[in-house]
Amino acid sequence: MQSTFVPKDLQGVLWSRDISSVDLKKDKNYIIHQVLMYGTLEQIKWLEKVYTKKEIKSEFVRNPRKLYTRSAFNFIKNYILGINKSLPPAYYVKDLHRNIR
């Protein structure tokens, strides 16, 4: 882990917490998933400077969060992280399963 602070431009991605109180070790799962789903490519590059690719993949696989769209999940899994094994989308994808009128 190279950086010790979270840049202020991530406040929009990490909206549920005050950016000054985010801890890179304690909040690793939250940071990784939020940046992967809502961050820009620049912010994802920052993520890869803070955590190793192995740490990011491990956190993504071992501690899933149900906040991704189906297309974002597939893009992140296959192209950003290069994970070739099958992962259950039910643990990651938030679908709207109701009739809206």
Protein backbone atom coordinates (compact mmCIF):
# COMPACT_ATOMS: atom_id res chain seq x y z
CA MET A 1 0.00 0.00 0.00
CA GLN A 2 1.75 3.16 -1.19
CA SER A 3 -0.67 6.00 -0.50
CA THR A 4 -1.81 6.81 3.02
CA PHE A 5 -4.73 9.10 2.24
CA VAL A 6 -7.81 9.14 0.05
CA PRO A 7 -7.92 11.96 -2.53
CA LYS A 8 -10.72 14.50 -2.15
CA ASP A 9 -11.97 13.79 -5.68
CA LEU A 10 -13.18 10.38 -4.41
CA GLN A 11 -15.78 11.97 -2.11
CA GLY A 12 -18.41 11.52 -4.83
CA VAL A 13 -17.58 7.82 -5.14
CA LEU A 14 -17.33 7.23 -1.39
CA TRP A 15 -20.40 9.36 -0.67
CA SER A 16 -21.64 7.56 2.43
CA ARG A 17 -18.60 8.54 4.49
CA ASP A 18 -16.63 11.70 5.15
CA ILE A 19 -13.51 11.31 3.02
CA SER A 20 -11.27 12.50 5.87
CA SER A 21 -12.43 9.59 8.06
CA VAL A 22 -11.96 6.81 5.50
CA ASP A 23 -9.21 4.40 6.54
CA LEU A 24 -7.39 2.60 3.70
CA LYS A 25 -6.95 -0.60 5.74
CA LYS A 26 -10.21 -0.73 7.70
CA ASP A 27 -12.40 0.36 4.78
CA LYS A 28 -10.63 -1.62 2.05
CA ASN A 29 -13.73 -3.57 0.99
CA TYR A 30 -15.86 -0.44 0.81
CA ILE A 31 -13.23 1.53 -1.11
CA ILE A 32 -12.50 -1.22 -3.64
CA HIS A 33 -16.11 -1.98 -4.49
CA GLN A 34 -17.22 1.66 -4.60
CA VAL A 35 -14.33 2.71 -6.86
CA LEU A 36 -14.78 -0.29 -9.17
CA MET A 37 -18.50 0.38 -9.58
CA TYR A 38 -18.72 4.17 -9.51
CA GLY A 39 -15.18 5.42 -10.15
CA THR A 40 -13.64 6.71 -13.36
CA LEU A 41 -10.74 4.93 -15.05
CA GLU A 42 -8.41 7.47 -13.40
CA GLN A 43 -9.82 6.57 -10.00
CA ILE A 44 -9.43 2.86 -10.76
CA LYS A 45 -5.77 3.55 -11.62
CA TRP A 46 -5.42 5.24 -8.22
CA LEU A 47 -6.95 2.12 -6.62
CA GLU A 48 -4.30 -0.02 -8.33
CA LYS A 49 -1.57 2.23 -6.91
CA VAL A 50 -2.94 1.90 -3.38
CA TYR A 51 -3.70 -1.84 -3.40
CA THR A 52 -2.03 -4.59 -5.40
CA LYS A 53 -3.97 -6.23 -8.21
CA LYS A 54 -3.95 -9.40 -6.09
CA GLU A 55 -5.53 -7.56 -3.11
CA ILE A 56 -8.21 -6.02 -5.33
CA LYS A 57 -9.08 -9.36 -6.96
CA SER A 58 -9.10 -11.14 -3.61
CA GLU A 59 -11.40 -8.56 -2.04
CA PHE A 60 -13.71 -8.66 -5.08
CA VAL A 61 -13.95 -12.47 -5.04
CA ARG A 62 -13.95 -13.22 -1.30
CA ASN A 63 -16.09 -10.33 -0.07
CA PRO A 64 -18.66 -9.51 -2.74
CA ARG A 65 -21.03 -6.55 -2.49
CA LYS A 66 -24.38 -6.45 -4.19
CA LEU A 67 -24.14 -3.05 -5.87
CA TYR A 68 -23.16 -3.69 -9.49
CA THR A 69 -25.26 -3.54 -12.60
CA ARG A 70 -25.02 -6.70 -14.68
CA SER A 71 -22.97 -5.03 -17.41
CA ALA A 72 -20.63 -3.31 -14.93
CA PHE A 73 -20.08 -6.60 -13.07
CA ASN A 74 -19.12 -8.40 -16.28
CA PHE A 75 -16.85 -5.56 -17.46
CA ILE A 76 -15.05 -5.28 -14.11
CA LYS A 77 -14.74 -9.04 -13.63
CA ASN A 78 -13.57 -9.84 -17.15
CA TYR A 79 -11.67 -6.76 -18.33
CA ILE A 80 -10.59 -4.64 -15.36
CA LEU A 81 -9.67 -7.55 -13.07
CA GLY A 82 -9.19 -10.33 -15.64
CA ILE A 83 -10.99 -12.94 -13.55
CA ASN A 84 -11.64 -15.98 -15.74
CA LYS A 85 -13.43 -18.16 -13.23
CA SER A 86 -17.18 -18.10 -12.86
CA LEU A 87 -18.55 -15.93 -10.07
CA PRO A 88 -22.22 -16.01 -9.01
CA PRO A 89 -23.79 -12.74 -10.23
CA ALA A 90 -26.41 -13.03 -7.47
CA TYR A 91 -23.74 -11.93 -4.97
CA TYR A 92 -22.77 -8.84 -7.00
CA VAL A 93 -25.63 -7.70 -9.23
CA LYS A 94 -28.50 -5.60 -7.98
CA ASP A 95 -31.48 -6.22 -10.22
CA LEU A 96 -34.82 -4.55 -10.11
CA HIS A 97 -37.24 -7.48 -9.82
CA ARG A 98 -40.56 -5.75 -9.61
CA ASN A 99 -43.19 -4.34 -11.88
CA ILE A 100 -43.03 -0.54 -11.99
CA ARG A 101 -46.13 1.25 -13.22
